[in-house]
Amino acid sequence: LGLIIVDEECDLNHIYYNKFIFNAKLVAIERAKK
């Protein structure tokens, strides 16, 4: 993996996915750091 782009035109903060809450932008930034 060489690049991550987050296009946050609409609301990209939180979703419910099978009772699993996560912040997409926060996880993307942490994966880029790691």
PDB file of all heavy atoms in Angstrom:
ATOM      1  N   LEU A   1       0.853  -1.193   0.000  1.00  0.00           N
ATOM      2  CA  LEU A   1       0.000   0.000   0.000  1.00  0.00           C
ATOM      3  C   LEU A   1       0.884   1.236   0.000  1.00  0.00           C
ATOM      4  O   LEU A   1       1.741   1.399   0.871  1.00  0.00           O
ATOM      5  CB  LEU A   1      -0.917  -0.015   1.223  1.00  0.00           C
ATOM      6  CG  LEU A   1      -1.973   1.083   1.324  1.00  0.00           C
ATOM      7  CD1 LEU A   1      -2.953   1.019   0.177  1.00  0.00           C
ATOM      8  CD2 LEU A   1      -2.710   0.999   2.647  1.00  0.00           C
ATOM      9  N   GLY A   2       0.670   2.114  -0.981  1.00  0.00           N
ATOM     10  CA  GLY A   2       1.522   3.295  -1.117  1.00  0.00           C
ATOM     11  C   GLY A   2       0.831   4.612  -0.895  1.00  0.00           C
ATOM     12  O   GLY A   2       1.494   5.636  -0.727  1.00  0.00           O
ATOM     13  N   LEU A   3      -0.509   4.631  -0.866  1.00  0.00           N
ATOM     14  CA  LEU A   3      -1.235   5.901  -0.768  1.00  0.00           C
ATOM     15  C   LEU A   3      -2.663   5.638  -0.295  1.00  0.00           C
ATOM     16  O   LEU A   3      -3.291   4.655  -0.687  1.00  0.00           O
ATOM     17  CB  LEU A   3      -1.269   6.590  -2.139  1.00  0.00           C
ATOM     18  CG  LEU A   3      -2.104   7.859  -2.278  1.00  0.00           C
ATOM     19  CD1 LEU A   3      -1.453   9.021  -1.553  1.00  0.00           C
ATOM     20  CD2 LEU A   3      -2.309   8.219  -3.743  1.00  0.00           C
ATOM     21  N   ILE A   4      -3.173   6.564   0.555  1.00  0.00           N
ATOM     22  CA  ILE A   4      -4.588   6.569   0.957  1.00  0.00           C
ATOM     23  C   ILE A   4      -5.127   7.975   0.701  1.00  0.00           C
ATOM     24  O   ILE A   4      -4.531   8.966   1.130  1.00  0.00           O
ATOM     25  CB  ILE A   4      -4.777   6.183   2.439  1.00  0.00           C
ATOM     26  CG1 ILE A   4      -4.279   4.763   2.701  1.00  0.00           C
ATOM     27  CG2 ILE A   4      -6.244   6.284   2.842  1.00  0.00           C
ATOM     28  CD1 ILE A   4      -4.272   4.372   4.160  1.00  0.00           C
ATOM     29  N   ILE A   5      -6.254   8.048  -0.001  1.00  0.00           N
ATOM     30  CA  ILE A   5      -6.953   9.318  -0.229  1.00  0.00           C
ATOM     31  C   ILE A   5      -8.338   9.197   0.379  1.00  0.00           C
ATOM     32  O   ILE A   5      -9.056   8.235   0.114  1.00  0.00           O
ATOM     33  CB  ILE A   5      -7.065   9.659  -1.729  1.00  0.00           C
ATOM     34  CG1 ILE A   5      -5.691   9.689  -2.399  1.00  0.00           C
ATOM     35  CG2 ILE A   5      -7.748  10.996  -1.929  1.00  0.00           C
ATOM     36  CD1 ILE A   5      -5.739   9.784  -3.905  1.00  0.00           C
ATOM     37  N   VAL A   6      -8.721  10.173   1.193  1.00  0.00           N
ATOM     38  CA  VAL A   6     -10.051  10.202   1.816  1.00  0.00           C
ATOM     39  C   VAL A   6     -10.813  11.383   1.236  1.00  0.00           C
ATOM     40  O   VAL A   6     -10.449  12.533   1.460  1.00  0.00           O
ATOM     41  CB  VAL A   6      -9.965  10.312   3.351  1.00  0.00           C
ATOM     42  CG1 VAL A   6     -11.351  10.352   3.962  1.00  0.00           C
ATOM     43  CG2 VAL A   6      -9.172   9.163   3.933  1.00  0.00           C
ATOM     44  N   ASP A   7     -11.835  11.085   0.455  1.00  0.00           N
ATOM     45  CA  ASP A   7     -12.694  12.114  -0.132  1.00  0.00           C
ATOM     46  C   ASP A   7     -13.901  12.280   0.789  1.00  0.00           C
ATOM     47  O   ASP A   7     -14.792  11.442   0.795  1.00  0.00           O
ATOM     48  CB  ASP A   7     -13.124  11.683  -1.533  1.00  0.00           C
ATOM     49  CG  ASP A   7     -13.923  12.758  -2.232  1.00  0.00           C
ATOM     50  OD1 ASP A   7     -13.302  13.718  -2.707  1.00  0.00           O
ATOM     51  OD2 ASP A   7     -15.157  12.645  -2.283  1.00  0.00           O
ATOM     52  N   GLU A   8     -13.902  13.351   1.558  1.00  0.00           N
ATOM     53  CA  GLU A   8     -14.952  13.540   2.571  1.00  0.00           C
ATOM     54  C   GLU A   8     -15.926  14.649   2.166  1.00  0.00           C
ATOM     55  O   GLU A   8     -16.206  15.568   2.910  1.00  0.00           O
ATOM     56  CB  GLU A   8     -14.347  13.833   3.941  1.00  0.00           C
ATOM     57  CG  GLU A   8     -13.241  14.859   3.945  1.00  0.00           C
ATOM     58  CD  GLU A   8     -12.751  15.151   5.344  1.00  0.00           C
ATOM     59  OE1 GLU A   8     -13.350  14.644   6.295  1.00  0.00           O
ATOM     60  OE2 GLU A   8     -11.780  15.894   5.465  1.00  0.00           O
ATOM     61  N   GLU A   9     -16.446  14.523   0.932  1.00  0.00           N
ATOM     62  CA  GLU A   9     -17.432  15.493   0.475  1.00  0.00           C
ATOM     63  C   GLU A   9     -18.732  15.354   1.251  1.00  0.00           C
ATOM     64  O   GLU A   9     -19.282  16.318   1.712  1.00  0.00           O
ATOM     65  CB  GLU A   9     -17.702  15.300  -1.016  1.00  0.00           C
ATOM     66  CG  GLU A   9     -16.699  15.982  -1.913  1.00  0.00           C
ATOM     67  CD  GLU A   9     -16.493  17.441  -1.591  1.00  0.00           C
ATOM     68  OE1 GLU A   9     -17.460  18.157  -1.333  1.00  0.00           O
ATOM     69  OE2 GLU A   9     -15.338  17.868  -1.555  1.00  0.00           O
ATOM     70  N   CYS A  10     -19.221  14.137   1.360  1.00  0.00           N
ATOM     71  CA  CYS A  10     -20.395  13.892   2.195  1.00  0.00           C
ATOM     72  C   CYS A  10     -19.921  13.587   3.616  1.00  0.00           C
ATOM     73  O   CYS A  10     -18.744  13.673   3.919  1.00  0.00           O
ATOM     74  CB  CYS A  10     -21.208  12.736   1.629  1.00  0.00           C
ATOM     75  SG  CYS A  10     -21.858  13.083  -0.003  1.00  0.00           S
ATOM     76  N   ASP A  11     -20.839  13.202   4.472  1.00  0.00           N
ATOM     77  CA  ASP A  11     -20.496  12.928   5.868  1.00  0.00           C
ATOM     78  C   ASP A  11     -19.738  11.612   5.958  1.00  0.00           C
ATOM     79  O   ASP A  11     -20.290  10.558   5.695  1.00  0.00           O
ATOM     80  CB  ASP A  11     -21.765  12.871   6.704  1.00  0.00           C
ATOM     81  CG  ASP A  11     -21.447  12.891   8.182  1.00  0.00           C
ATOM     82  OD1 ASP A  11     -20.328  13.237   8.556  1.00  0.00           O
ATOM     83  OD2 ASP A  11     -22.329  12.542   8.949  1.00  0.00           O
ATOM     84  N   LEU A  12     -18.437  11.670   6.332  1.00  0.00           N
ATOM     85  CA  LEU A  12     -17.610  10.470   6.410  1.00  0.00           C
ATOM     86  C   LEU A  12     -17.211  10.160   7.845  1.00  0.00           C
ATOM     87  O   LEU A  12     -16.160   9.589   8.071  1.00  0.00           O
ATOM     88  CB  LEU A  12     -16.339  10.668   5.571  1.00  0.00           C
ATOM     89  CG  LEU A  12     -16.272   9.962   4.226  1.00  0.00           C
ATOM     90  CD1 LEU A  12     -14.980  10.269   3.543  1.00  0.00           C
ATOM     91  CD2 LEU A  12     -16.425   8.477   4.372  1.00  0.00           C
ATOM     92  N   ASN A  13     -18.003  10.566   8.801  1.00  0.00           N
ATOM     93  CA  ASN A  13     -17.574  10.413  10.190  1.00  0.00           C
ATOM     94  C   ASN A  13     -17.859   9.025  10.750  1.00  0.00           C
ATOM     95  O   ASN A  13     -16.959   8.304  11.118  1.00  0.00           O
ATOM     96  CB  ASN A  13     -18.272  11.472  11.057  1.00  0.00           C
ATOM     97  CG  ASN A  13     -17.831  12.864  10.687  1.00  0.00           C
ATOM     98  OD1 ASN A  13     -16.666  13.087  10.419  1.00  0.00           O
ATOM     99  ND2 ASN A  13     -18.747  13.791  10.633  1.00  0.00           N
ATOM    100  N   HIS A  14     -19.108   8.647  10.811  1.00  0.00           N
ATOM    101  CA  HIS A  14     -19.474   7.388  11.460  1.00  0.00           C
ATOM    102  C   HIS A  14     -20.563   6.685  10.688  1.00  0.00           C
ATOM    103  O   HIS A  14     -21.421   7.326  10.097  1.00  0.00           O
ATOM    104  CB  HIS A  14     -20.002   7.627  12.873  1.00  0.00           C
ATOM    105  CG  HIS A  14     -18.971   8.180  13.793  1.00  0.00           C
ATOM    106  ND1 HIS A  14     -18.049   7.407  14.437  1.00  0.00           N
ATOM    107  CD2 HIS A  14     -18.711   9.441  14.170  1.00  0.00           C
ATOM    108  CE1 HIS A  14     -17.280   8.175  15.185  1.00  0.00           C
ATOM    109  NE2 HIS A  14     -17.673   9.407  15.030  1.00  0.00           N
ATOM    110  N   ILE A  15     -20.530   5.356  10.709  1.00  0.00           N
ATOM    111  CA  ILE A  15     -21.650   4.552  10.222  1.00  0.00           C
ATOM    112  C   ILE A  15     -21.842   3.390  11.179  1.00  0.00           C
ATOM    113  O   ILE A  15     -20.935   3.032  11.933  1.00  0.00           O
ATOM    114  CB  ILE A  15     -21.423   4.016   8.795  1.00  0.00           C
ATOM    115  CG1 ILE A  15     -20.184   3.103   8.740  1.00  0.00           C
ATOM    116  CG2 ILE A  15     -21.323   5.095   7.789  1.00  0.00           C
ATOM    117  CD1 ILE A  15     -20.125   2.274   7.492  1.00  0.00           C
ATOM    118  N   TYR A  16     -23.023   2.794  11.106  1.00  0.00           N
ATOM    119  CA  TYR A  16     -23.269   1.556  11.821  1.00  0.00           C
ATOM    120  C   TYR A  16     -23.183   0.430  10.811  1.00  0.00           C
ATOM    121  O   TYR A  16     -23.897   0.430   9.819  1.00  0.00           O
ATOM    122  CB  TYR A  16     -24.642   1.568  12.485  1.00  0.00           C
ATOM    123  CG  TYR A  16     -24.699   2.521  13.641  1.00  0.00           C
ATOM    124  CD1 TYR A  16     -25.070   3.837  13.460  1.00  0.00           C
ATOM    125  CD2 TYR A  16     -24.335   2.103  14.905  1.00  0.00           C
ATOM    126  CE1 TYR A  16     -25.101   4.722  14.516  1.00  0.00           C
ATOM    127  CE2 TYR A  16     -24.369   2.970  15.963  1.00  0.00           C
ATOM    128  CZ  TYR A  16     -24.755   4.277  15.765  1.00  0.00           C
ATOM    129  OH  TYR A  16     -24.778   5.139  16.817  1.00  0.00           O
ATOM    130  N   TYR A  17     -22.313  -0.498  11.047  1.00  0.00           N
ATOM    131  CA  TYR A  17     -22.145  -1.616  10.132  1.00  0.00           C
ATOM    132  C   TYR A  17     -22.201  -2.892  10.954  1.00  0.00           C
ATOM    133  O   TYR A  17     -21.224  -3.304  11.561  1.00  0.00           O
ATOM    134  CB  TYR A  17     -20.811  -1.504   9.397  1.00  0.00           C
ATOM    135  CG  TYR A  17     -20.627  -2.543   8.329  1.00  0.00           C
ATOM    136  CD1 TYR A  17     -21.216  -2.400   7.092  1.00  0.00           C
ATOM    137  CD2 TYR A  17     -19.891  -3.686   8.571  1.00  0.00           C
ATOM    138  CE1 TYR A  17     -21.063  -3.355   6.117  1.00  0.00           C
ATOM    139  CE2 TYR A  17     -19.735  -4.653   7.607  1.00  0.00           C
ATOM    140  CZ  TYR A  17     -20.323  -4.474   6.377  1.00  0.00           C
ATOM    141  OH  TYR A  17     -20.173  -5.430   5.426  1.00  0.00           O
ATOM    142  N   ASN A  18     -23.395  -3.521  10.979  1.00  0.00           N
ATOM    143  CA  ASN A  18     -23.625  -4.727  11.786  1.00  0.00           C
ATOM    144  C   ASN A  18     -23.245  -4.517  13.255  1.00  0.00           C
ATOM    145  O   ASN A  18     -22.467  -5.269  13.830  1.00  0.00           O
ATOM    146  CB  ASN A  18     -22.853  -5.923  11.211  1.00  0.00           C
ATOM    147  CG  ASN A  18     -23.372  -6.320   9.848  1.00  0.00           C
ATOM    148  OD1 ASN A  18     -24.477  -5.979   9.498  1.00  0.00           O
ATOM    149  ND2 ASN A  18     -22.577  -7.034   9.094  1.00  0.00           N
ATOM    150  N   LYS A  19     -23.745  -3.435  13.814  1.00  0.00           N
ATOM    151  CA  LYS A  19     -23.501  -3.076  15.225  1.00  0.00           C
ATOM    152  C   LYS A  19     -22.014  -2.836  15.511  1.00  0.00           C
ATOM    153  O   LYS A  19     -21.542  -3.124  16.599  1.00  0.00           O
ATOM    154  CB  LYS A  19     -24.050  -4.155  16.160  1.00  0.00           C
ATOM    155  CG  LYS A  19     -25.537  -4.397  16.012  1.00  0.00           C
ATOM    156  CD  LYS A  19     -25.991  -5.482  16.944  1.00  0.00           C
ATOM    157  CE  LYS A  19     -27.462  -5.769  16.747  1.00  0.00           C
ATOM    158  NZ  LYS A  19     -27.938  -6.832  17.622  1.00  0.00           N
ATOM    159  N   PHE A  20     -21.318  -2.297  14.542  1.00  0.00           N
ATOM    160  CA  PHE A  20     -19.886  -2.038  14.695  1.00  0.00           C
ATOM    161  C   PHE A  20     -19.643  -0.583  14.306  1.00  0.00           C
ATOM    162  O   PHE A  20     -19.763  -0.211  13.145  1.00  0.00           O
ATOM    163  CB  PHE A  20     -19.112  -3.017  13.809  1.00  0.00           C
ATOM    164  CG  PHE A  20     -17.682  -2.645  13.546  1.00  0.00           C
ATOM    165  CD1 PHE A  20     -16.862  -2.181  14.552  1.00  0.00           C
ATOM    166  CD2 PHE A  20     -17.137  -2.773  12.285  1.00  0.00           C
ATOM    167  CE1 PHE A  20     -15.552  -1.841  14.311  1.00  0.00           C
ATOM    168  CE2 PHE A  20     -15.828  -2.447  12.025  1.00  0.00           C
ATOM    169  CZ  PHE A  20     -15.041  -1.974  13.045  1.00  0.00           C
ATOM    170  N   ILE A  21     -19.365   0.267  15.295  1.00  0.00           N
ATOM    171  CA  ILE A  21     -19.187   1.704  15.069  1.00  0.00           C
ATOM    172  C   ILE A  21     -17.709   1.984  14.825  1.00  0.00           C
ATOM    173  O   ILE A  21     -16.854   1.525  15.567  1.00  0.00           O
ATOM    174  CB  ILE A  21     -19.662   2.513  16.298  1.00  0.00           C
ATOM    175  CG1 ILE A  21     -21.126   2.195  16.595  1.00  0.00           C
ATOM    176  CG2 ILE A  21     -19.494   3.990  16.084  1.00  0.00           C
ATOM    177  CD1 ILE A  21     -21.625   2.743  17.891  1.00  0.00           C
ATOM    178  N   PHE A  22     -17.421   2.742  13.778  1.00  0.00           N
ATOM    179  CA  PHE A  22     -16.033   3.136  13.550  1.00  0.00           C
ATOM    180  C   PHE A  22     -15.971   4.453  12.797  1.00  0.00           C
ATOM    181  O   PHE A  22     -16.877   4.809  12.044  1.00  0.00           O
ATOM    182  CB  PHE A  22     -15.261   2.042  12.800  1.00  0.00           C
ATOM    183  CG  PHE A  22     -15.603   1.902  11.347  1.00  0.00           C
ATOM    184  CD1 PHE A  22     -14.802   2.449  10.374  1.00  0.00           C
ATOM    185  CD2 PHE A  22     -16.737   1.216  10.962  1.00  0.00           C
ATOM    186  CE1 PHE A  22     -15.115   2.323   9.043  1.00  0.00           C
ATOM    187  CE2 PHE A  22     -17.059   1.075   9.643  1.00  0.00           C
ATOM    188  CZ  PHE A  22     -16.243   1.632   8.671  1.00  0.00           C
ATOM    189  N   ASN A  23     -14.877   5.168  13.009  1.00  0.00           N
ATOM    190  CA  ASN A  23     -14.612   6.439  12.352  1.00  0.00           C
ATOM    191  C   ASN A  23     -13.657   6.168  11.200  1.00  0.00           C
ATOM    192  O   ASN A  23     -12.511   5.781  11.411  1.00  0.00           O
ATOM    193  CB  ASN A  23     -13.989   7.410  13.359  1.00  0.00           C
ATOM    194  CG  ASN A  23     -13.845   8.802  12.800  1.00  0.00           C
ATOM    195  OD1 ASN A  23     -13.599   8.983  11.620  1.00  0.00           O
ATOM    196  ND2 ASN A  23     -13.991   9.782  13.650  1.00  0.00           N
ATOM    197  N   ALA A  24     -14.137   6.346   9.962  1.00  0.00           N
ATOM    198  CA  ALA A  24     -13.362   5.976   8.773  1.00  0.00           C
ATOM    199  C   ALA A  24     -12.108   6.829   8.635  1.00  0.00           C
ATOM    200  O   ALA A  24     -11.031   6.318   8.317  1.00  0.00           O
ATOM    201  CB  ALA A  24     -14.231   6.099   7.530  1.00  0.00           C
ATOM    202  N   LYS A  25     -12.238   8.132   8.860  1.00  0.00           N
ATOM    203  CA  LYS A  25     -11.092   9.034   8.700  1.00  0.00           C
ATOM    204  C   LYS A  25     -10.024   8.760   9.748  1.00  0.00           C
ATOM    205  O   LYS A  25      -8.826   8.756   9.445  1.00  0.00           O
ATOM    206  CB  LYS A  25     -11.573  10.487   8.787  1.00  0.00           C
ATOM    207  CG  LYS A  25     -10.502  11.508   8.440  1.00  0.00           C
ATOM    208  CD  LYS A  25     -11.096  12.893   8.261  1.00  0.00           C
ATOM    209  CE  LYS A  25     -11.479  13.502   9.573  1.00  0.00           C
ATOM    210  NZ  LYS A  25     -11.851  14.926   9.456  1.00  0.00           N
ATOM    211  N   LEU A  26     -10.452   8.496  10.983  1.00  0.00           N
ATOM    212  CA  LEU A  26      -9.509   8.210  12.069  1.00  0.00           C
ATOM    213  C   LEU A  26      -8.730   6.924  11.802  1.00  0.00           C
ATOM    214  O   LEU A  26      -7.509   6.869  11.982  1.00  0.00           O
ATOM    215  CB  LEU A  26     -10.275   8.096  13.384  1.00  0.00           C
ATOM    216  CG  LEU A  26      -9.471   7.769  14.642  1.00  0.00           C
ATOM    217  CD1 LEU A  26      -8.673   8.965  15.075  1.00  0.00           C
ATOM    218  CD2 LEU A  26     -10.382   7.311  15.755  1.00  0.00           C
ATOM    219  N   VAL A  27      -9.433   5.875  11.341  1.00  0.00           N
ATOM    220  CA  VAL A  27      -8.773   4.593  11.055  1.00  0.00           C
ATOM    221  C   VAL A  27      -7.828   4.730   9.870  1.00  0.00           C
ATOM    222  O   VAL A  27      -6.742   4.141   9.858  1.00  0.00           O
ATOM    223  CB  VAL A  27      -9.835   3.498  10.798  1.00  0.00           C
ATOM    224  CG1 VAL A  27      -9.186   2.183  10.425  1.00  0.00           C
ATOM    225  CG2 VAL A  27     -10.701   3.299  12.029  1.00  0.00           C
ATOM    226  N   ALA A  28      -8.226   5.518   8.858  1.00  0.00           N
ATOM    227  CA  ALA A  28      -7.369   5.728   7.685  1.00  0.00           C
ATOM    228  C   ALA A  28      -6.076   6.448   8.062  1.00  0.00           C
ATOM    229  O   ALA A  28      -4.987   6.082   7.588  1.00  0.00           O
ATOM    230  CB  ALA A  28      -8.125   6.520   6.627  1.00  0.00           C
ATOM    231  N   ILE A  29      -6.169   7.453   8.929  1.00  0.00           N
ATOM    232  CA  ILE A  29      -4.969   8.192   9.372  1.00  0.00           C
ATOM    233  C   ILE A  29      -4.054   7.285  10.188  1.00  0.00           C
ATOM    234  O   ILE A  29      -2.829   7.316  10.036  1.00  0.00           O
ATOM    235  CB  ILE A  29      -5.387   9.451  10.175  1.00  0.00           C
ATOM    236  CG1 ILE A  29      -6.045  10.482   9.240  1.00  0.00           C
ATOM    237  CG2 ILE A  29      -4.199  10.077  10.882  1.00  0.00           C
ATOM    238  CD1 ILE A  29      -6.752  11.606   9.951  1.00  0.00           C
ATOM    239  N   GLU A  30      -4.651   6.445  11.039  1.00  0.00           N
ATOM    240  CA  GLU A  30      -3.844   5.534  11.858  1.00  0.00           C
ATOM    241  C   GLU A  30      -3.172   4.465  10.997  1.00  0.00           C
ATOM    242  O   GLU A  30      -2.020   4.099  11.253  1.00  0.00           O
ATOM    243  CB  GLU A  30      -4.733   4.878  12.916  1.00  0.00           C
ATOM    244  CG  GLU A  30      -3.997   4.076  13.962  1.00  0.00           C
ATOM    245  CD  GLU A  30      -3.035   4.891  14.804  1.00  0.00           C
ATOM    246  OE1 GLU A  30      -3.304   6.102  15.007  1.00  0.00           O
ATOM    247  OE2 GLU A  30      -2.000   4.339  15.236  1.00  0.00           O
ATOM    248  N   ARG A  31      -3.861   3.972   9.975  1.00  0.00           N
ATOM    249  CA  ARG A  31      -3.240   2.974   9.085  1.00  0.00           C
ATOM    250  C   ARG A  31      -2.080   3.591   8.299  1.00  0.00           C
ATOM    251  O   ARG A  31      -1.056   2.935   8.073  1.00  0.00           O
ATOM    252  CB  ARG A  31      -4.284   2.416   8.124  1.00  0.00           C
ATOM    253  CG  ARG A  31      -3.730   1.310   7.241  1.00  0.00           C
ATOM    254  CD  ARG A  31      -4.771   0.486   6.563  1.00  0.00           C
ATOM    255  NE  ARG A  31      -4.173  -0.669   5.921  1.00  0.00           N
ATOM    256  CZ  ARG A  31      -4.830  -1.611   5.279  1.00  0.00           C
ATOM    257  NH1 ARG A  31      -6.140  -1.542   5.189  1.00  0.00           N
ATOM    258  NH2 ARG A  31      -4.200  -2.623   4.734  1.00  0.00           N
ATOM    259  N   ALA A  32      -2.237   4.843   7.871  1.00  0.00           N
ATOM    260  CA  ALA A  32      -1.148   5.529   7.160  1.00  0.00           C
ATOM    261  C   ALA A  32       0.060   5.730   8.065  1.00  0.00           C
ATOM    262  O   ALA A  32       1.209   5.630   7.618  1.00  0.00           O
ATOM    263  CB  ALA A  32      -1.647   6.866   6.630  1.00  0.00           C
ATOM    264  N   LYS A  33      -0.186   6.013   9.356  1.00  0.00           N
ATOM    265  CA  LYS A  33       0.925   6.165  10.313  1.00  0.00           C
ATOM    266  C   LYS A  33       1.661   4.854  10.517  1.00  0.00           C
ATOM    267  O   LYS A  33       2.895   4.809  10.549  1.00  0.00           O
ATOM    268  CB  LYS A  33       0.392   6.662  11.664  1.00  0.00           C
ATOM    269  CG  LYS A  33       0.146   8.151  11.730  1.00  0.00           C
ATOM    270  CD  LYS A  33      -0.348   8.521  13.116  1.00  0.00           C
ATOM    271  CE  LYS A  33      -0.765   9.978  13.175  1.00  0.00           C
ATOM    272  NZ  LYS A  33      -1.318  10.325  14.500  1.00  0.00           N
ATOM    273  N   LYS A  34       0.911   3.776  10.678  1.00  0.00           N
ATOM    274  CA  LYS A  34       1.532   2.478  10.953  1.00  0.00           C
ATOM    275  C   LYS A  34       2.336   1.962   9.759  1.00  0.00           C
ATOM    276  O   LYS A  34       3.369   1.323   9.933  1.00  0.00           O
ATOM    277  CB  LYS A  34       0.447   1.457  11.339  1.00  0.00           C
ATOM    278  CG  LYS A  34      -0.120   1.662  12.737  1.00  0.00           C
ATOM    279  CD  LYS A  34      -1.100   0.582  13.096  1.00  0.00           C
ATOM    280  CE  LYS A  34      -1.669   0.785  14.490  1.00  0.00           C
ATOM    281  NZ  LYS A  34      -0.644   0.709  15.549  1.00  0.00           N
TER     282      LYS A  34
END
